[in-house]
Amino acid sequence: MKVLVATEKPFAPAAVNAIKTVVENANYELVLLEKYSDNSELLAAVADVDAMIIRSDKATKEVLDAAKNLKIIVRAGAGYDNIDLATASEKNIVAMNTPGQNSNAVAELAIGMMVYVARGLFNGKAGSELKGKTIGIHAYGNVGKLVGNIAKGFGMKVAAFDPFISAETIDADGVTVYNSAEELYSNCQYISLHIPANDKTKESINYELLNKMPKGATLVNTARKEVVNETELVKLMTDREDFKYVSDIAPNNAEELKEKFDGRVYFTPKKMGAQTSEANINAGIAAATQIVNFLENGDTTFQVNK
């Protein structure tokens, strides 16, 4: 069996070594494709492999069609919108993610960016504190729950909305439950976004919703840029000089936002949520282990294209 690790943005060396150990202990062959610059390199690499681990790399129809022997592909991370799930299903390829492995890294970054923007991007002027403010968690999954836990340590009040998690589960964590996004946004100075990008959520974070937030509001996005309506965000920030936006993935109109709203927006140079050595290792080991468990035992626990 051949396992390909295809990463335009490579895992940390320690993570690669950990993946290699898992794969070779199962008597499989590990193939590395790192820092590739052209899609043709990926197409060539997938031609004869049985399994594949990716990060932010695009597993398109073209890539999956070229992977004649592929049985399983694992996205080392929570989001999996970079995999063509329809094609994977058509070709009987199992697609998985590694939920929870990057969660703490993303949660710490979300809180870190909140501190940064609250203190004026560390510009030397007086800012504000998080203590006593209310943070709304939009999607109370692995990351959202951790953001709430950390926020409590800052003395923040925590609220959440998630139609897929029971009110009892959220309430048991000492978190205020709201029954709609509109209600959540209306009652929170900070919103931390953790929703996936799909047909229902893309551009759903719009003017009408964001304008419900109280004065001095901040939107923190460590999810996907596609969920925010960027055109309406510009209008909102023009109309509301109190509104701030920070994200670990630059929107398509990042330069316009930075030019018009200097000091009120911040975007990391690249997607940073999972960029810690710990998350690298955790996600890499999980991906490799899930591949071995599937190939050896048929375990489909984390399959996302059922």
C-alpha atoms as a PDB file:
ATOM      1  CA  MET A   1       0.000   0.000   0.000  1.00  0.00           C
ATOM      2  CA  LYS A   2       1.208   3.502  -0.862  1.00  0.00           C
ATOM      3  CA  VAL A   3       0.269   6.543   1.228  1.00  0.00           C
ATOM      4  CA  LEU A   4       0.859   9.972  -0.297  1.00  0.00           C
ATOM      5  CA  VAL A   5       1.290  13.100   1.810  1.00  0.00           C
ATOM      6  CA  ALA A   6       0.617  15.947  -0.635  1.00  0.00           C
ATOM      7  CA  THR A   7       1.187  19.304   1.014  1.00  0.00           C
ATOM      8  CA  GLU A   8       1.869  22.521  -0.822  1.00  0.00           C
ATOM      9  CA  LYS A   9       2.327  23.949   2.689  1.00  0.00           C
ATOM     10  CA  PRO A  10       4.283  21.128   4.348  1.00  0.00           C
ATOM     11  CA  PHE A  11       3.735  19.644   7.772  1.00  0.00           C
ATOM     12  CA  ALA A  12       6.418  20.417  10.331  1.00  0.00           C
ATOM     13  CA  PRO A  13       9.301  17.912  10.200  1.00  0.00           C
ATOM     14  CA  ALA A  14       8.228  16.400  13.519  1.00  0.00           C
ATOM     15  CA  ALA A  15       4.754  15.783  12.102  1.00  0.00           C
ATOM     16  CA  VAL A  16       6.171  14.152   8.957  1.00  0.00           C
ATOM     17  CA  ASN A  17       8.299  11.858  11.124  1.00  0.00           C
ATOM     18  CA  ALA A  18       5.253  10.918  13.197  1.00  0.00           C
ATOM     19  CA  ILE A  19       3.209  10.181  10.063  1.00  0.00           C
ATOM     20  CA  LYS A  20       6.063   8.120   8.674  1.00  0.00           C
ATOM     21  CA  THR A  21       6.200   6.041  11.860  1.00  0.00           C
ATOM     22  CA  VAL A  22       2.478   5.253  11.742  1.00  0.00           C
ATOM     23  CA  VAL A  23       2.555   4.379   8.040  1.00  0.00           C
ATOM     24  CA  GLU A  24       5.705   2.268   8.132  1.00  0.00           C
ATOM     25  CA  ASN A  25       4.585   0.416  11.272  1.00  0.00           C
ATOM     26  CA  ALA A  26       1.662  -0.779   9.155  1.00  0.00           C
ATOM     27  CA  ASN A  27       4.160  -1.910   6.491  1.00  0.00           C
ATOM     28  CA  TYR A  28       2.951   0.712   4.019  1.00  0.00           C
ATOM     29  CA  GLU A  29       5.110   2.928   1.826  1.00  0.00           C
ATOM     30  CA  LEU A  30       5.100   6.681   2.463  1.00  0.00           C
ATOM     31  CA  VAL A  31       5.406   9.084  -0.496  1.00  0.00           C
ATOM     32  CA  LEU A  32       6.019  12.786   0.113  1.00  0.00           C
ATOM     33  CA  LEU A  33       5.085  15.638  -2.224  1.00  0.00           C
ATOM     34  CA  GLU A  34       5.928  18.924  -0.524  1.00  0.00           C
ATOM     35  CA  LYS A  35       6.015  22.543  -1.688  1.00  0.00           C
ATOM     36  CA  TYR A  36       4.868  21.610  -5.194  1.00  0.00           C
ATOM     37  CA  SER A  37       4.286  24.574  -7.487  1.00  0.00           C
ATOM     38  CA  ASP A  38       2.210  23.077 -10.290  1.00  0.00           C
ATOM     39  CA  ASN A  39      -0.902  20.912 -10.264  1.00  0.00           C
ATOM     40  CA  SER A  40       0.739  18.559 -12.771  1.00  0.00           C
ATOM     41  CA  GLU A  41       3.083  17.420  -9.974  1.00  0.00           C
ATOM     42  CA  LEU A  42       0.097  16.461  -7.847  1.00  0.00           C
ATOM     43  CA  LEU A  43      -1.579  14.656 -10.739  1.00  0.00           C
ATOM     44  CA  ALA A  44       1.552  12.601 -11.307  1.00  0.00           C
ATOM     45  CA  ALA A  45       1.995  11.819  -7.619  1.00  0.00           C
ATOM     46  CA  VAL A  46      -1.541  10.467  -7.101  1.00  0.00           C
ATOM     47  CA  ALA A  47      -1.432   8.107 -10.070  1.00  0.00           C
ATOM     48  CA  ASP A  48      -0.599   4.918  -8.151  1.00  0.00           C
ATOM     49  CA  VAL A  49      -1.268   5.616  -4.465  1.00  0.00           C
ATOM     50  CA  ASP A  50      -3.859   3.885  -2.295  1.00  0.00           C
ATOM     51  CA  ALA A  51      -4.307   6.631   0.278  1.00  0.00           C
ATOM     52  CA  MET A  52      -3.688  10.343   0.497  1.00  0.00           C
ATOM     53  CA  ILE A  53      -3.262  12.988   3.194  1.00  0.00           C
ATOM     54  CA  ILE A  54      -3.744  16.671   2.327  1.00  0.00           C
ATOM     55  CA  ARG A  55      -3.933  19.965   4.201  1.00  0.00           C
ATOM     56  CA  SER A  56      -5.279  22.950   2.240  1.00  0.00           C
ATOM     57  CA  ASP A  57      -4.503  21.261  -1.070  1.00  0.00           C
ATOM     58  CA  LYS A  58      -7.334  20.962  -3.604  1.00  0.00           C
ATOM     59  CA  ALA A  59      -8.576  17.436  -4.227  1.00  0.00           C
ATOM     60  CA  THR A  60     -10.521  18.351  -7.374  1.00  0.00           C
ATOM     61  CA  LYS A  61     -12.326  16.059  -9.802  1.00  0.00           C
ATOM     62  CA  GLU A  62      -9.206  16.164 -11.991  1.00  0.00           C
ATOM     63  CA  VAL A  63      -7.018  15.026  -9.114  1.00  0.00           C
ATOM     64  CA  LEU A  64      -9.388  12.260  -8.003  1.00  0.00           C
ATOM     65  CA  ASP A  65      -9.820  11.027 -11.583  1.00  0.00           C
ATOM     66  CA  ALA A  66      -6.041  10.756 -11.873  1.00  0.00           C
ATOM     67  CA  ALA A  67      -5.844   8.705  -8.671  1.00  0.00           C
ATOM     68  CA  LYS A  68      -6.706   5.322 -10.183  1.00  0.00           C
ATOM     69  CA  ASN A  69      -5.970   3.270  -7.048  1.00  0.00           C
ATOM     70  CA  LEU A  70      -7.123   5.750  -4.412  1.00  0.00           C
ATOM     71  CA  LYS A  71      -9.288   4.254  -1.672  1.00  0.00           C
ATOM     72  CA  ILE A  72      -9.198   6.963   0.982  1.00  0.00           C
ATOM     73  CA  ILE A  73      -8.293  10.650   1.266  1.00  0.00           C
ATOM     74  CA  VAL A  74      -7.944  12.422   4.592  1.00  0.00           C
ATOM     75  CA  ARG A  75      -7.923  16.173   5.093  1.00  0.00           C
ATOM     76  CA  ALA A  76      -5.680  16.845   8.117  1.00  0.00           C
ATOM     77  CA  GLY A  77      -7.956  19.388   9.745  1.00  0.00           C
ATOM     78  CA  ALA A  78     -11.627  20.048  10.397  1.00  0.00           C
ATOM     79  CA  GLY A  79     -12.767  21.723   7.170  1.00  0.00           C
ATOM     80  CA  TYR A  80     -13.029  19.591   4.041  1.00  0.00           C
ATOM     81  CA  ASP A  81     -14.457  21.932   1.406  1.00  0.00           C
ATOM     82  CA  ASN A  82     -11.216  21.455  -0.562  1.00  0.00           C
ATOM     83  CA  ILE A  83     -12.271  17.881  -1.419  1.00  0.00           C
ATOM     84  CA  ASP A  84     -14.699  17.209  -4.268  1.00  0.00           C
ATOM     85  CA  LEU A  85     -16.968  14.953  -2.224  1.00  0.00           C
ATOM     86  CA  ALA A  86     -19.329  14.158  -5.094  1.00  0.00           C
ATOM     87  CA  THR A  87     -16.510  12.800  -7.236  1.00  0.00           C
ATOM     88  CA  ALA A  88     -15.051  10.918  -4.272  1.00  0.00           C
ATOM     89  CA  SER A  89     -18.388   9.218  -3.704  1.00  0.00           C
ATOM     90  CA  GLU A  90     -18.796   8.401  -7.402  1.00  0.00           C
ATOM     91  CA  LYS A  91     -15.392   6.720  -7.385  1.00  0.00           C
ATOM     92  CA  ASN A  92     -15.997   4.928  -4.050  1.00  0.00           C
ATOM     93  CA  ILE A  93     -13.225   6.908  -2.389  1.00  0.00           C
ATOM     94  CA  VAL A  94     -13.737   7.432   1.329  1.00  0.00           C
ATOM     95  CA  ALA A  95     -13.124  11.056   2.356  1.00  0.00           C
ATOM     96  CA  MET A  96     -12.361  11.943   5.955  1.00  0.00           C
ATOM     97  CA  ASN A  97     -11.321  14.887   8.105  1.00  0.00           C
ATOM     98  CA  THR A  98      -9.609  14.913  11.506  1.00  0.00           C
ATOM     99  CA  PRO A  99     -12.050  16.786  13.754  1.00  0.00           C
ATOM    100  CA  GLY A 100     -10.722  18.204  16.995  1.00  0.00           C
ATOM    101  CA  GLN A 101      -7.024  17.845  16.252  1.00  0.00           C
ATOM    102  CA  ASN A 102      -6.499  21.539  15.399  1.00  0.00           C
ATOM    103  CA  SER A 103      -9.191  22.866  17.709  1.00  0.00           C
ATOM    104  CA  ASN A 104      -7.064  24.280  20.513  1.00  0.00           C
ATOM    105  CA  ALA A 105      -4.727  26.023  18.081  1.00  0.00           C
ATOM    106  CA  VAL A 106      -7.666  27.706  16.316  1.00  0.00           C
ATOM    107  CA  ALA A 107      -9.342  28.656  19.588  1.00  0.00           C
ATOM    108  CA  GLU A 108      -6.190  30.271  21.000  1.00  0.00           C
ATOM    109  CA  LEU A 109      -5.714  32.229  17.776  1.00  0.00           C
ATOM    110  CA  ALA A 110      -9.312  33.498  17.865  1.00  0.00           C
ATOM    111  CA  ILE A 111      -8.857  34.791  21.401  1.00  0.00           C
ATOM    112  CA  GLY A 112      -5.415  36.191  20.554  1.00  0.00           C
ATOM    113  CA  MET A 113      -6.843  38.194  17.669  1.00  0.00           C
ATOM    114  CA  MET A 114      -9.606  39.474  19.940  1.00  0.00           C
ATOM    115  CA  VAL A 115      -7.038  40.800  22.392  1.00  0.00           C
ATOM    116  CA  TYR A 116      -5.034  42.319  19.535  1.00  0.00           C
ATOM    117  CA  VAL A 117      -7.961  44.225  18.045  1.00  0.00           C
ATOM    118  CA  ALA A 118      -9.360  45.238  21.454  1.00  0.00           C
ATOM    119  CA  ARG A 119      -6.004  46.879  22.244  1.00  0.00           C
ATOM    120  CA  GLY A 120      -5.941  48.814  18.983  1.00  0.00           C
ATOM    121  CA  LEU A 121      -3.536  46.453  17.174  1.00  0.00           C
ATOM    122  CA  PHE A 122      -0.973  47.385  19.854  1.00  0.00           C
ATOM    123  CA  ASN A 123      -0.675  50.930  18.521  1.00  0.00           C
ATOM    124  CA  GLY A 124       0.299  52.454  21.852  1.00  0.00           C
ATOM    125  CA  LYS A 125      -3.091  54.064  22.452  1.00  0.00           C
ATOM    126  CA  ALA A 126      -5.737  53.159  25.009  1.00  0.00           C
ATOM    127  CA  GLY A 127      -7.837  50.165  24.041  1.00  0.00           C
ATOM    128  CA  SER A 128     -10.483  48.116  25.801  1.00  0.00           C
ATOM    129  CA  GLU A 129     -10.616  44.939  27.874  1.00  0.00           C
ATOM    130  CA  LEU A 130     -12.385  41.657  27.202  1.00  0.00           C
ATOM    131  CA  LYS A 131     -13.489  41.243  30.814  1.00  0.00           C
ATOM    132  CA  GLY A 132     -17.206  41.779  31.238  1.00  0.00           C
ATOM    133  CA  LYS A 133     -17.922  41.680  27.499  1.00  0.00           C
ATOM    134  CA  THR A 134     -20.140  39.024  25.907  1.00  0.00           C
ATOM    135  CA  ILE A 135     -18.794  36.724  23.220  1.00  0.00           C
ATOM    136  CA  GLY A 136     -21.153  34.869  20.930  1.00  0.00           C
ATOM    137  CA  ILE A 137     -20.007  31.519  19.581  1.00  0.00           C
ATOM    138  CA  HIS A 138     -21.570  30.935  16.143  1.00  0.00           C
ATOM    139  CA  ALA A 139     -21.372  27.120  15.888  1.00  0.00           C
ATOM    140  CA  TYR A 140     -20.567  25.361  19.150  1.00  0.00           C
ATOM    141  CA  GLY A 141     -18.383  22.521  17.901  1.00  0.00           C
ATOM    142  CA  ASN A 142     -14.906  21.511  19.045  1.00  0.00           C
ATOM    143  CA  VAL A 143     -13.358  24.919  18.380  1.00  0.00           C
ATOM    144  CA  GLY A 144     -16.324  26.970  19.542  1.00  0.00           C
ATOM    145  CA  LYS A 145     -16.463  25.165  22.859  1.00  0.00           C
ATOM    146  CA  LEU A 146     -12.759  25.788  23.477  1.00  0.00           C
ATOM    147  CA  VAL A 147     -13.111  29.474  22.564  1.00  0.00           C
ATOM    148  CA  GLY A 148     -15.851  29.708  25.168  1.00  0.00           C
ATOM    149  CA  ASN A 149     -13.709  28.017  27.805  1.00  0.00           C
ATOM    150  CA  ILE A 150     -10.797  30.380  27.205  1.00  0.00           C
ATOM    151  CA  ALA A 151     -13.091  33.421  27.103  1.00  0.00           C
ATOM    152  CA  LYS A 152     -14.435  32.528  30.546  1.00  0.00           C
ATOM    153  CA  GLY A 153     -10.874  32.744  31.827  1.00  0.00           C
ATOM    154  CA  PHE A 154     -10.812  36.365  30.658  1.00  0.00           C
ATOM    155  CA  GLY A 155     -13.993  37.040  32.624  1.00  0.00           C
ATOM    156  CA  MET A 156     -16.195  37.210  29.536  1.00  0.00           C
ATOM    157  CA  LYS A 157     -19.835  36.174  29.362  1.00  0.00           C
ATOM    158  CA  VAL A 158     -20.306  33.392  26.813  1.00  0.00           C
ATOM    159  CA  ALA A 159     -23.301  32.743  24.567  1.00  0.00           C
ATOM    160  CA  ALA A 160     -23.791  30.403  21.619  1.00  0.00           C
ATOM    161  CA  PHE A 161     -26.066  29.462  18.745  1.00  0.00           C
ATOM    162  CA  ASP A 162     -25.863  26.102  17.016  1.00  0.00           C
ATOM    163  CA  PRO A 163     -28.942  24.444  15.507  1.00  0.00           C
ATOM    164  CA  PHE A 164     -27.173  21.090  15.417  1.00  0.00           C
ATOM    165  CA  ILE A 165     -26.265  20.895  19.116  1.00  0.00           C
ATOM    166  CA  SER A 166     -28.903  20.562  21.815  1.00  0.00           C
ATOM    167  CA  ALA A 167     -29.616  23.491  24.102  1.00  0.00           C
ATOM    168  CA  GLU A 168     -29.081  21.157  27.051  1.00  0.00           C
ATOM    169  CA  THR A 169     -25.519  20.378  25.942  1.00  0.00           C
ATOM    170  CA  ILE A 170     -24.606  24.049  25.558  1.00  0.00           C
ATOM    171  CA  ASP A 171     -26.370  25.071  28.772  1.00  0.00           C
ATOM    172  CA  ALA A 172     -24.504  22.369  30.706  1.00  0.00           C
ATOM    173  CA  ASP A 173     -21.265  24.233  29.917  1.00  0.00           C
ATOM    174  CA  GLY A 174     -22.583  27.377  31.569  1.00  0.00           C
ATOM    175  CA  VAL A 175     -23.124  29.046  28.204  1.00  0.00           C
ATOM    176  CA  THR A 176     -26.197  31.131  27.366  1.00  0.00           C
ATOM    177  CA  VAL A 177     -28.201  29.528  24.564  1.00  0.00           C
ATOM    178  CA  TYR A 178     -29.775  31.587  21.788  1.00  0.00           C
ATOM    179  CA  ASN A 179     -32.228  30.133  19.313  1.00  0.00           C
ATOM    180  CA  SER A 180     -31.181  32.099  16.230  1.00  0.00           C
ATOM    181  CA  ALA A 181     -28.171  33.847  14.758  1.00  0.00           C
ATOM    182  CA  GLU A 182     -30.120  37.119  14.884  1.00  0.00           C
ATOM    183  CA  GLU A 183     -30.655  36.770  18.623  1.00  0.00           C
ATOM    184  CA  LEU A 184     -27.003  35.867  19.198  1.00  0.00           C
ATOM    185  CA  TYR A 185     -25.623  38.800  17.230  1.00  0.00           C
ATOM    186  CA  SER A 186     -28.014  41.250  18.880  1.00  0.00           C
ATOM    187  CA  ASN A 187     -26.654  40.426  22.334  1.00  0.00           C
ATOM    188  CA  CYS A 188     -22.898  40.054  21.812  1.00  0.00           C
ATOM    189  CA  GLN A 189     -20.077  42.589  21.464  1.00  0.00           C
ATOM    190  CA  TYR A 190     -17.852  39.860  20.023  1.00  0.00           C
ATOM    191  CA  ILE A 191     -18.820  37.097  17.608  1.00  0.00           C
ATOM    192  CA  SER A 192     -16.466  34.169  16.947  1.00  0.00           C
ATOM    193  CA  LEU A 193     -17.335  32.426  13.674  1.00  0.00           C
ATOM    194  CA  HIS A 194     -16.944  28.650  13.363  1.00  0.00           C
ATOM    195  CA  ILE A 195     -19.483  27.742  10.696  1.00  0.00           C
ATOM    196  CA  PRO A 196     -18.501  25.694   7.615  1.00  0.00           C
ATOM    197  CA  ALA A 197     -18.684  27.066   4.081  1.00  0.00           C
ATOM    198  CA  ASN A 198     -21.563  25.456   2.212  1.00  0.00           C
ATOM    199  CA  ASP A 199     -24.495  26.467   0.045  1.00  0.00           C
ATOM    200  CA  LYS A 200     -26.510  27.598   3.075  1.00  0.00           C
ATOM    201  CA  THR A 201     -23.770  29.526   4.860  1.00  0.00           C
ATOM    202  CA  LYS A 202     -21.844  31.260   2.065  1.00  0.00           C
ATOM    203  CA  GLU A 203     -22.257  35.055   2.372  1.00  0.00           C
ATOM    204  CA  SER A 204     -24.771  34.491   5.192  1.00  0.00           C
ATOM    205  CA  ILE A 205     -22.852  36.837   7.488  1.00  0.00           C
ATOM    206  CA  ASN A 206     -24.275  39.962   5.897  1.00  0.00           C
ATOM    207  CA  TYR A 207     -25.105  43.593   6.605  1.00  0.00           C
ATOM    208  CA  GLU A 208     -28.460  42.889   8.204  1.00  0.00           C
ATOM    209  CA  LEU A 209     -27.049  40.328  10.634  1.00  0.00           C
ATOM    210  CA  LEU A 210     -23.875  42.206  11.584  1.00  0.00           C
ATOM    211  CA  ASN A 211     -25.739  45.482  12.044  1.00  0.00           C
ATOM    212  CA  LYS A 212     -27.674  43.883  14.893  1.00  0.00           C
ATOM    213  CA  MET A 213     -24.498  43.774  16.995  1.00  0.00           C
ATOM    214  CA  PRO A 214     -24.150  46.328  19.831  1.00  0.00           C
ATOM    215  CA  LYS A 215     -21.898  49.378  19.648  1.00  0.00           C
ATOM    216  CA  GLY A 216     -18.180  48.547  19.693  1.00  0.00           C
ATOM    217  CA  ALA A 217     -18.715  45.201  17.955  1.00  0.00           C
ATOM    218  CA  THR A 218     -16.007  42.898  16.624  1.00  0.00           C
ATOM    219  CA  LEU A 219     -16.361  39.930  14.270  1.00  0.00           C
ATOM    220  CA  VAL A 220     -13.653  37.269  14.556  1.00  0.00           C
ATOM    221  CA  ASN A 221     -13.481  34.816  11.660  1.00  0.00           C
ATOM    222  CA  THR A 222     -11.349  31.677  11.930  1.00  0.00           C
ATOM    223  CA  ALA A 223     -13.783  29.725   9.746  1.00  0.00           C
ATOM    224  CA  ARG A 224     -13.868  30.457   6.008  1.00  0.00           C
ATOM    225  CA  LYS A 225     -13.796  33.755   4.138  1.00  0.00           C
ATOM    226  CA  GLU A 226     -16.695  32.660   1.926  1.00  0.00           C
ATOM    227  CA  VAL A 227     -19.212  32.822   4.777  1.00  0.00           C
ATOM    228  CA  VAL A 228     -18.875  36.623   5.007  1.00  0.00           C
ATOM    229  CA  ASN A 229     -20.562  38.855   2.432  1.00  0.00           C
ATOM    230  CA  GLU A 230     -17.533  41.027   1.705  1.00  0.00           C
ATOM    231  CA  THR A 231     -19.375  43.712  -0.254  1.00  0.00           C
ATOM    232  CA  GLU A 232     -21.903  44.198   2.526  1.00  0.00           C
ATOM    233  CA  LEU A 233     -19.097  44.164   5.104  1.00  0.00           C
ATOM    234  CA  VAL A 234     -17.615  47.259   3.436  1.00  0.00           C
ATOM    235  CA  LYS A 235     -20.992  49.001   3.601  1.00  0.00           C
ATOM    236  CA  LEU A 236     -21.420  48.052   7.243  1.00  0.00           C
ATOM    237  CA  MET A 237     -17.976  49.287   8.276  1.00  0.00           C
ATOM    238  CA  THR A 238     -18.592  52.515   6.356  1.00  0.00           C
ATOM    239  CA  ASP A 239     -21.871  53.078   8.181  1.00  0.00           C
ATOM    240  CA  ARG A 240     -20.542  51.970  11.574  1.00  0.00           C
ATOM    241  CA  GLU A 241     -17.202  53.429  12.592  1.00  0.00           C
ATOM    242  CA  ASP A 242     -17.312  51.346  15.777  1.00  0.00           C
ATOM    243  CA  PHE A 243     -17.199  47.982  13.956  1.00  0.00           C
ATOM    244  CA  LYS A 244     -14.023  45.868  13.674  1.00  0.00           C
ATOM    245  CA  TYR A 245     -13.206  42.723  11.715  1.00  0.00           C
ATOM    246  CA  VAL A 246     -10.316  40.288  12.194  1.00  0.00           C
ATOM    247  CA  SER A 247      -9.686  37.027  10.394  1.00  0.00           C
ATOM    248  CA  ASP A 248      -6.992  34.417   9.908  1.00  0.00           C
ATOM    249  CA  ILE A 249      -7.753  34.317   6.206  1.00  0.00           C
ATOM    250  CA  ALA A 250      -7.679  37.472   4.114  1.00  0.00           C
ATOM    251  CA  PRO A 251     -10.913  38.284   2.284  1.00  0.00           C
ATOM    252  CA  ASN A 252     -10.856  38.906  -1.451  1.00  0.00           C
ATOM    253  CA  ASN A 253     -11.206  42.645  -0.799  1.00  0.00           C
ATOM    254  CA  ALA A 254      -8.555  42.762   1.928  1.00  0.00           C
ATOM    255  CA  GLU A 255      -6.665  45.710   0.417  1.00  0.00           C
ATOM    256  CA  GLU A 256      -9.847  47.776   0.153  1.00  0.00           C
ATOM    257  CA  LEU A 257     -10.732  47.009   3.759  1.00  0.00           C
ATOM    258  CA  LYS A 258      -7.260  47.869   5.031  1.00  0.00           C
ATOM    259  CA  GLU A 259      -7.174  51.100   3.065  1.00  0.00           C
ATOM    260  CA  LYS A 260     -10.627  52.288   4.141  1.00  0.00           C
ATOM    261  CA  PHE A 261     -10.652  51.008   7.710  1.00  0.00           C
ATOM    262  CA  ASP A 262      -7.075  51.252   8.927  1.00  0.00           C
ATOM    263  CA  GLY A 263      -6.798  50.145  12.553  1.00  0.00           C
ATOM    264  CA  ARG A 264     -10.176  48.401  12.465  1.00  0.00           C
ATOM    265  CA  VAL A 265      -9.252  45.301  10.462  1.00  0.00           C
ATOM    266  CA  TYR A 266      -6.498  42.708  10.700  1.00  0.00           C
ATOM    267  CA  PHE A 267      -5.766  39.631   8.595  1.00  0.00           C
ATOM    268  CA  THR A 268      -2.974  37.138   9.190  1.00  0.00           C
ATOM    269  CA  PRO A 269      -0.537  36.678   6.272  1.00  0.00           C
ATOM    270  CA  LYS A 270      -1.956  33.196   5.606  1.00  0.00           C
ATOM    271  CA  LYS A 271      -4.458  30.790   7.144  1.00  0.00           C
ATOM    272  CA  MET A 272      -3.014  30.488  10.650  1.00  0.00           C
ATOM    273  CA  GLY A 273      -5.571  28.576  12.705  1.00  0.00           C
ATOM    274  CA  ALA A 274      -3.781  25.233  12.619  1.00  0.00           C
ATOM    275  CA  GLN A 275      -0.263  26.645  12.402  1.00  0.00           C
ATOM    276  CA  THR A 276       1.220  25.303  15.616  1.00  0.00           C
ATOM    277  CA  SER A 277       3.676  22.463  15.991  1.00  0.00           C
ATOM    278  CA  GLU A 278       1.254  20.670  18.301  1.00  0.00           C
ATOM    279  CA  ALA A 279      -1.660  20.886  15.858  1.00  0.00           C
ATOM    280  CA  ASN A 280       0.596  19.835  12.991  1.00  0.00           C
ATOM    281  CA  ILE A 281       1.600  16.675  14.808  1.00  0.00           C
ATOM    282  CA  ASN A 282      -1.883  15.900  16.157  1.00  0.00           C
ATOM    283  CA  ALA A 283      -3.611  16.250  12.780  1.00  0.00           C
ATOM    284  CA  GLY A 284      -0.888  14.382  10.909  1.00  0.00           C
ATOM    285  CA  ILE A 285      -0.897  11.417  13.284  1.00  0.00           C
ATOM    286  CA  ALA A 286      -4.704  11.326  13.275  1.00  0.00           C
ATOM    287  CA  ALA A 287      -4.830  11.328   9.467  1.00  0.00           C
ATOM    288  CA  ALA A 288      -2.276   8.521   9.174  1.00  0.00           C
ATOM    289  CA  THR A 289      -3.950   6.477  11.906  1.00  0.00           C
ATOM    290  CA  GLN A 290      -7.372   6.846  10.283  1.00  0.00           C
ATOM    291  CA  ILE A 291      -5.942   5.614   6.975  1.00  0.00           C
ATOM    292  CA  VAL A 292      -4.416   2.548   8.593  1.00  0.00           C
ATOM    293  CA  ASN A 293      -7.615   1.814  10.546  1.00  0.00           C
ATOM    294  CA  PHE A 294      -9.673   2.075   7.365  1.00  0.00           C
ATOM    295  CA  LEU A 295      -7.395  -0.037   5.177  1.00  0.00           C
ATOM    296  CA  GLU A 296      -6.899  -2.682   7.863  1.00  0.00           C
ATOM    297  CA  ASN A 297     -10.299  -2.751   9.569  1.00  0.00           C
ATOM    298  CA  GLY A 298     -12.724  -0.824   7.355  1.00  0.00           C
ATOM    299  CA  ASP A 299     -13.148   1.865  10.043  1.00  0.00           C
ATOM    300  CA  THR A 300     -15.098   4.808   8.560  1.00  0.00           C
ATOM    301  CA  THR A 301     -15.656   6.740  11.799  1.00  0.00           C
ATOM    302  CA  PHE A 302     -14.681  10.128  10.391  1.00  0.00           C
ATOM    303  CA  GLN A 303     -16.038   9.709   6.865  1.00  0.00           C
ATOM    304  CA  VAL A 304     -17.594  12.934   5.511  1.00  0.00           C
ATOM    305  CA  ASN A 305     -19.012  11.709   2.186  1.00  0.00           C
ATOM    306  CA  LYS A 306     -21.473   9.120   3.472  1.00  0.00           C
END
